[in-house]
Amino acid sequence: MHEIVFDSKLLKDGHLYCPKEYANKEAHYKVIVSIPEYYATDTELELAAVHDSKGDYLTKSEIEYYLKLDNK
């Protein structure tokens, strides 16, 4: 996979600007946002982790399944 780095900006319609030479409907983009001189507090980091992983927990049936495997 090729990697190209370029600075972008948020357009008025909410989209990110992409230079025309990199605009490709089949391309996949990884967006990294950096905010200079901003440091997140411990509470903000914990809240972000909760929001990022709120769907990552096992269901009750999944837990029971794995517990039964351990007993075999």
N, C-alpha and C. Protein backbone atom coordinates (compact mmCIF):
# COMPACT_ATOMS: atom_id res chain seq x y z
N MET A 1 0.85 -1.18 0.00
CA MET A 1 0.00 0.00 0.00
C MET A 1 0.90 1.24 0.00
N HIS A 2 0.56 2.17 -0.84
CA HIS A 2 1.32 3.41 -0.92
C HIS A 2 0.82 4.38 0.15
N GLU A 3 1.72 5.18 0.64
CA GLU A 3 1.32 6.16 1.65
C GLU A 3 1.74 7.55 1.19
N ILE A 4 0.80 8.46 1.24
CA ILE A 4 1.04 9.85 0.87
C ILE A 4 0.54 10.71 2.02
N VAL A 5 1.31 11.69 2.41
CA VAL A 5 0.92 12.58 3.50
C VAL A 5 0.72 13.98 2.94
N PHE A 6 -0.41 14.59 3.28
CA PHE A 6 -0.65 15.97 2.88
C PHE A 6 -1.51 16.66 3.92
N ASP A 7 -1.35 17.96 4.04
CA ASP A 7 -2.18 18.73 4.96
C ASP A 7 -3.53 18.99 4.31
N SER A 8 -4.55 19.02 5.13
CA SER A 8 -5.89 19.24 4.63
C SER A 8 -6.56 20.31 5.47
N LYS A 9 -7.79 20.62 5.12
CA LYS A 9 -8.58 21.57 5.91
C LYS A 9 -10.04 21.16 5.82
N LEU A 10 -10.80 21.59 6.77
CA LEU A 10 -12.23 21.29 6.78
C LEU A 10 -12.95 22.31 5.92
N LEU A 11 -13.70 21.82 4.95
CA LEU A 11 -14.44 22.71 4.06
C LEU A 11 -15.75 23.15 4.71
N LYS A 12 -16.37 24.18 4.16
CA LYS A 12 -17.60 24.72 4.74
C LYS A 12 -18.73 23.69 4.77
N ASP A 13 -18.72 22.74 3.83
CA ASP A 13 -19.79 21.72 3.79
C ASP A 13 -19.51 20.54 4.72
N GLY A 14 -18.38 20.58 5.46
CA GLY A 14 -18.06 19.53 6.43
C GLY A 14 -17.14 18.44 5.89
N HIS A 15 -16.80 18.48 4.62
CA HIS A 15 -15.89 17.49 4.04
C HIS A 15 -14.45 17.95 4.24
N LEU A 16 -13.52 16.98 4.16
CA LEU A 16 -12.11 17.32 4.20
C LEU A 16 -11.62 17.60 2.78
N TYR A 17 -10.77 18.59 2.65
CA TYR A 17 -10.19 18.93 1.35
C TYR A 17 -9.18 17.85 0.95
N CYS A 18 -9.23 17.42 -0.29
CA CYS A 18 -8.27 16.47 -0.83
C CYS A 18 -7.77 17.02 -2.16
N PRO A 19 -6.45 17.16 -2.34
CA PRO A 19 -5.93 17.65 -3.62
C PRO A 19 -6.41 16.76 -4.77
N LYS A 20 -6.70 17.36 -5.91
CA LYS A 20 -7.27 16.63 -7.05
C LYS A 20 -6.39 15.46 -7.49
N GLU A 21 -5.07 15.60 -7.38
CA GLU A 21 -4.19 14.51 -7.82
C GLU A 21 -4.29 13.27 -6.93
N TYR A 22 -4.88 13.40 -5.74
CA TYR A 22 -5.05 12.26 -4.83
C TYR A 22 -6.50 11.81 -4.73
N ALA A 23 -7.41 12.52 -5.37
CA ALA A 23 -8.82 12.17 -5.30
C ALA A 23 -9.07 10.92 -6.15
N ASN A 24 -9.47 9.85 -5.47
CA ASN A 24 -9.69 8.58 -6.14
C ASN A 24 -10.77 7.84 -5.37
N LYS A 25 -11.84 7.47 -6.04
CA LYS A 25 -12.96 6.82 -5.35
C LYS A 25 -12.59 5.46 -4.80
N GLU A 26 -11.56 4.83 -5.30
CA GLU A 26 -11.16 3.52 -4.82
C GLU A 26 -10.10 3.59 -3.73
N ALA A 27 -9.62 4.76 -3.42
CA ALA A 27 -8.58 4.92 -2.41
C ALA A 27 -9.18 4.86 -1.01
N HIS A 28 -8.39 4.44 -0.06
CA HIS A 28 -8.78 4.42 1.35
C HIS A 28 -7.90 5.43 2.07
N TYR A 29 -8.52 6.26 2.88
CA TYR A 29 -7.78 7.31 3.56
C TYR A 29 -7.77 7.08 5.06
N LYS A 30 -6.67 7.40 5.67
CA LYS A 30 -6.53 7.38 7.12
C LYS A 30 -6.31 8.83 7.54
N VAL A 31 -7.21 9.33 8.36
CA VAL A 31 -7.15 10.73 8.76
C VAL A 31 -6.60 10.83 10.17
N ILE A 32 -5.57 11.62 10.33
CA ILE A 32 -4.99 11.88 11.64
C ILE A 32 -5.14 13.36 11.93
N VAL A 33 -5.77 13.67 13.04
CA VAL A 33 -6.01 15.06 13.41
C VAL A 33 -5.07 15.41 14.55
N SER A 34 -4.37 16.50 14.39
CA SER A 34 -3.51 16.97 15.49
C SER A 34 -3.92 18.40 15.83
N ILE A 35 -4.05 18.63 17.11
CA ILE A 35 -4.42 19.95 17.59
C ILE A 35 -3.24 20.46 18.43
N PRO A 36 -2.50 21.40 17.90
CA PRO A 36 -1.32 21.87 18.62
C PRO A 36 -1.69 22.51 19.96
N GLU A 37 -0.82 22.27 20.91
CA GLU A 37 -0.94 22.87 22.25
C GLU A 37 -2.22 22.49 22.97
N TYR A 38 -2.73 21.29 22.71
CA TYR A 38 -3.89 20.81 23.44
C TYR A 38 -3.53 19.48 24.07
N TYR A 39 -3.73 19.39 25.36
CA TYR A 39 -3.44 18.16 26.08
C TYR A 39 -4.72 17.68 26.75
N ALA A 40 -5.11 16.45 26.45
CA ALA A 40 -6.33 15.90 27.03
C ALA A 40 -6.10 15.55 28.49
N THR A 41 -7.13 15.76 29.29
CA THR A 41 -7.05 15.39 30.71
C THR A 41 -7.29 13.89 30.82
N ASP A 42 -6.99 13.33 31.98
CA ASP A 42 -7.23 11.90 32.21
C ASP A 42 -8.70 11.57 32.03
N THR A 43 -9.57 12.44 32.50
CA THR A 43 -11.01 12.21 32.36
C THR A 43 -11.43 12.19 30.90
N GLU A 44 -10.91 13.12 30.10
CA GLU A 44 -11.24 13.15 28.67
C GLU A 44 -10.74 11.89 27.96
N LEU A 45 -9.56 11.40 28.33
CA LEU A 45 -9.04 10.17 27.73
C LEU A 45 -9.91 8.98 28.09
N GLU A 46 -10.35 8.90 29.35
CA GLU A 46 -11.21 7.79 29.77
C GLU A 46 -12.56 7.85 29.06
N LEU A 47 -13.13 9.05 28.93
CA LEU A 47 -14.41 9.18 28.23
C LEU A 47 -14.28 8.78 26.76
N ALA A 48 -13.17 9.16 26.14
CA ALA A 48 -12.95 8.79 24.74
C ALA A 48 -12.85 7.28 24.60
N ALA A 49 -12.16 6.63 25.54
CA ALA A 49 -12.03 5.18 25.50
C ALA A 49 -13.38 4.50 25.66
N VAL A 50 -14.22 5.03 26.54
CA VAL A 50 -15.56 4.47 26.75
C VAL A 50 -16.38 4.59 25.48
N HIS A 51 -16.35 5.74 24.84
CA HIS A 51 -17.13 5.95 23.61
C HIS A 51 -16.60 5.09 22.47
N ASP A 52 -15.27 4.91 22.41
CA ASP A 52 -14.68 4.12 21.33
C ASP A 52 -14.97 2.63 21.47
N SER A 53 -15.14 2.15 22.70
CA SER A 53 -15.27 0.71 22.89
C SER A 53 -16.62 0.27 23.43
N LYS A 54 -17.62 1.13 23.38
CA LYS A 54 -18.90 0.76 23.98
C LYS A 54 -19.57 -0.41 23.28
N GLY A 55 -19.21 -0.73 22.09
CA GLY A 55 -19.79 -1.87 21.41
C GLY A 55 -18.89 -3.10 21.40
N ASP A 56 -17.79 -3.04 22.13
CA ASP A 56 -16.80 -4.12 22.10
C ASP A 56 -16.98 -5.16 23.19
N TYR A 57 -18.03 -5.11 23.97
CA TYR A 57 -18.21 -6.04 25.08
C TYR A 57 -18.94 -7.29 24.63
N LEU A 58 -18.65 -8.40 25.31
CA LEU A 58 -19.33 -9.64 25.00
C LEU A 58 -20.76 -9.62 25.53
N THR A 59 -21.64 -10.30 24.81
CA THR A 59 -23.01 -10.43 25.29
C THR A 59 -23.04 -11.52 26.36
N LYS A 60 -24.15 -11.60 27.08
CA LYS A 60 -24.29 -12.61 28.12
C LYS A 60 -24.16 -14.02 27.53
N SER A 61 -24.77 -14.24 26.38
CA SER A 61 -24.70 -15.57 25.76
C SER A 61 -23.27 -15.91 25.33
N GLU A 62 -22.53 -14.92 24.86
CA GLU A 62 -21.13 -15.16 24.48
C GLU A 62 -20.29 -15.52 25.71
N ILE A 63 -20.51 -14.84 26.80
CA ILE A 63 -19.78 -15.13 28.03
C ILE A 63 -20.08 -16.56 28.50
N GLU A 64 -21.36 -16.93 28.48
CA GLU A 64 -21.75 -18.29 28.89
C GLU A 64 -21.12 -19.34 27.98
N TYR A 65 -21.08 -19.06 26.70
CA TYR A 65 -20.45 -19.98 25.74
C TYR A 65 -18.99 -20.21 26.10
N TYR A 66 -18.24 -19.14 26.33
CA TYR A 66 -16.82 -19.27 26.64
C TYR A 66 -16.58 -19.92 28.00
N LEU A 67 -17.46 -19.68 28.96
CA LEU A 67 -17.34 -20.32 30.26
C LEU A 67 -17.58 -21.83 30.15
N LYS A 68 -18.49 -22.24 29.29
CA LYS A 68 -18.74 -23.67 29.08
C LYS A 68 -17.55 -24.33 28.42
N LEU A 69 -16.86 -23.64 27.53
CA LEU A 69 -15.67 -24.21 26.90
C LEU A 69 -14.58 -24.49 27.93
N ASP A 70 -14.47 -23.62 28.92
CA ASP A 70 -13.46 -23.76 29.95
C ASP A 70 -13.72 -24.99 30.82
N ASN A 71 -14.96 -25.39 30.96
CA ASN A 71 -15.33 -26.52 31.81
C ASN A 71 -15.14 -27.87 31.12
N LYS A 72 -14.92 -27.90 29.83
CA LYS A 72 -14.79 -29.17 29.09
C LYS A 72 -13.43 -29.78 29.25
